[in-house]
Amino acid sequence: MATANEDDVVQAFRQAVEEELRRVQDGEQHDPHFVLGAPAEENLQRLAAAHERLQSEVALLRTVILKLVSQPVDFDNP
């Protein structure tokens, strides 16, 4: 059985995916990682922010995958 913490993480992941889908559907532009002509420090800050977001998303994905692996779906007994 999943713990409350695992359920919270799965819910947070689901919300993040839904928010991203809404942004894509609304046509919002994502900040580019590099801006041509921008100072190196600004581009470095952009990369650092993108890296932090990716680390968070990877952690959420790992938790979801571990939960799915630990609780396989039995399609024969719905």
C-alpha atoms as a PDB file:
ATOM      1  CA  MET A   1       0.000   0.000   0.000  1.00  0.00           C
ATOM      2  CA  ALA A   2       1.285   3.483  -0.827  1.00  0.00           C
ATOM      3  CA  THR A   3       2.120   5.818   1.981  1.00  0.00           C
ATOM      4  CA  ALA A   4       0.587   9.269   2.276  1.00  0.00           C
ATOM      5  CA  ASN A   5       3.904  10.766   1.235  1.00  0.00           C
ATOM      6  CA  GLU A   6       4.003   8.683  -1.957  1.00  0.00           C
ATOM      7  CA  ASP A   7       0.423   9.661  -2.728  1.00  0.00           C
ATOM      8  CA  ASP A   8       1.323  13.324  -2.212  1.00  0.00           C
ATOM      9  CA  VAL A   9       4.243  12.999  -4.610  1.00  0.00           C
ATOM     10  CA  VAL A  10       2.107  11.279  -7.221  1.00  0.00           C
ATOM     11  CA  GLN A  11      -0.532  13.997  -6.856  1.00  0.00           C
ATOM     12  CA  ALA A  12       2.123  16.720  -7.170  1.00  0.00           C
ATOM     13  CA  PHE A  13       3.465  15.050 -10.306  1.00  0.00           C
ATOM     14  CA  ARG A  14      -0.013  14.815 -11.789  1.00  0.00           C
ATOM     15  CA  GLN A  15      -0.626  18.503 -11.075  1.00  0.00           C
ATOM     16  CA  ALA A  16       2.716  19.464 -12.638  1.00  0.00           C
ATOM     17  CA  VAL A  17       1.889  17.496 -15.787  1.00  0.00           C
ATOM     18  CA  GLU A  18      -1.576  19.052 -15.996  1.00  0.00           C
ATOM     19  CA  GLU A  19      -0.139  22.563 -15.551  1.00  0.00           C
ATOM     20  CA  GLU A  20       2.448  21.925 -18.253  1.00  0.00           C
ATOM     21  CA  LEU A  21      -0.263  20.621 -20.580  1.00  0.00           C
ATOM     22  CA  ARG A  22      -2.353  23.756 -19.956  1.00  0.00           C
ATOM     23  CA  ARG A  23       0.648  25.975 -20.718  1.00  0.00           C
ATOM     24  CA  VAL A  24       1.300  24.124 -23.967  1.00  0.00           C
ATOM     25  CA  GLN A  25      -2.370  24.248 -24.959  1.00  0.00           C
ATOM     26  CA  ASP A  26      -2.522  27.968 -24.165  1.00  0.00           C
ATOM     27  CA  GLY A  27       0.485  28.528 -26.403  1.00  0.00           C
ATOM     28  CA  GLU A  28       2.690  29.929 -23.681  1.00  0.00           C
ATOM     29  CA  GLN A  29       6.317  30.202 -24.673  1.00  0.00           C
ATOM     30  CA  HIS A  30       8.955  28.584 -22.536  1.00  0.00           C
ATOM     31  CA  ASP A  31      12.009  30.546 -21.535  1.00  0.00           C
ATOM     32  CA  PRO A  32      14.887  29.517 -23.753  1.00  0.00           C
ATOM     33  CA  HIS A  33      17.935  28.107 -22.004  1.00  0.00           C
ATOM     34  CA  PHE A  34      20.221  30.353 -24.024  1.00  0.00           C
ATOM     35  CA  VAL A  35      19.566  33.846 -25.296  1.00  0.00           C
ATOM     36  CA  LEU A  36      21.827  34.913 -28.130  1.00  0.00           C
ATOM     37  CA  GLY A  37      23.660  38.079 -27.143  1.00  0.00           C
ATOM     38  CA  ALA A  38      22.729  37.826 -23.466  1.00  0.00           C
ATOM     39  CA  PRO A  39      25.492  37.982 -20.868  1.00  0.00           C
ATOM     40  CA  ALA A  40      27.023  34.639 -19.941  1.00  0.00           C
ATOM     41  CA  GLU A  41      25.870  35.071 -16.323  1.00  0.00           C
ATOM     42  CA  GLU A  42      22.235  35.411 -17.440  1.00  0.00           C
ATOM     43  CA  ASN A  43      22.466  32.293 -19.608  1.00  0.00           C
ATOM     44  CA  LEU A  44      24.117  30.436 -16.739  1.00  0.00           C
ATOM     45  CA  GLN A  45      21.252  31.407 -14.426  1.00  0.00           C
ATOM     46  CA  ARG A  46      18.745  30.183 -17.010  1.00  0.00           C
ATOM     47  CA  LEU A  47      20.559  26.863 -17.279  1.00  0.00           C
ATOM     48  CA  ALA A  48      20.741  26.490 -13.498  1.00  0.00           C
ATOM     49  CA  ALA A  49      16.994  27.126 -13.163  1.00  0.00           C
ATOM     50  CA  ALA A  50      16.215  24.615 -15.921  1.00  0.00           C
ATOM     51  CA  HIS A  51      18.514  22.080 -14.256  1.00  0.00           C
ATOM     52  CA  GLU A  52      16.701  22.466 -10.924  1.00  0.00           C
ATOM     53  CA  ARG A  53      13.314  21.979 -12.602  1.00  0.00           C
ATOM     54  CA  LEU A  54      14.547  18.858 -14.362  1.00  0.00           C
ATOM     55  CA  GLN A  55      15.976  17.400 -11.153  1.00  0.00           C
ATOM     56  CA  SER A  56      12.631  17.898  -9.449  1.00  0.00           C
ATOM     57  CA  GLU A  57      10.747  16.294 -12.334  1.00  0.00           C
ATOM     58  CA  VAL A  58      13.128  13.323 -12.407  1.00  0.00           C
ATOM     59  CA  ALA A  59      12.649  12.789  -8.668  1.00  0.00           C
ATOM     60  CA  LEU A  60       8.880  12.791  -9.127  1.00  0.00           C
ATOM     61  CA  LEU A  61       9.123  10.360 -12.034  1.00  0.00           C
ATOM     62  CA  ARG A  62      11.305   8.002 -10.021  1.00  0.00           C
ATOM     63  CA  THR A  63       8.773   7.972  -7.210  1.00  0.00           C
ATOM     64  CA  VAL A  64       5.908   7.279  -9.598  1.00  0.00           C
ATOM     65  CA  ILE A  65       7.846   4.495 -11.327  1.00  0.00           C
ATOM     66  CA  LEU A  66       8.811   2.892  -8.018  1.00  0.00           C
ATOM     67  CA  LYS A  67       5.196   3.011  -6.900  1.00  0.00           C
ATOM     68  CA  LEU A  68       4.036   1.407 -10.136  1.00  0.00           C
ATOM     69  CA  VAL A  69       6.682  -1.302  -9.923  1.00  0.00           C
ATOM     70  CA  SER A  70       5.890  -2.063  -6.291  1.00  0.00           C
ATOM     71  CA  GLN A  71       2.151  -2.234  -6.982  1.00  0.00           C
ATOM     72  CA  PRO A  72       1.691  -3.857 -10.392  1.00  0.00           C
ATOM     73  CA  VAL A  73      -1.733  -3.643 -11.943  1.00  0.00           C
ATOM     74  CA  ASP A  74      -3.636  -6.911 -12.141  1.00  0.00           C
ATOM     75  CA  PHE A  75      -5.627  -6.614 -15.348  1.00  0.00           C
ATOM     76  CA  ASP A  76      -7.309  -9.978 -14.771  1.00  0.00           C
ATOM     77  CA  ASN A  77      -8.969  -8.748 -11.551  1.00  0.00           C
ATOM     78  CA  PRO A  78     -10.183  -5.162 -12.079  1.00  0.00           C
END
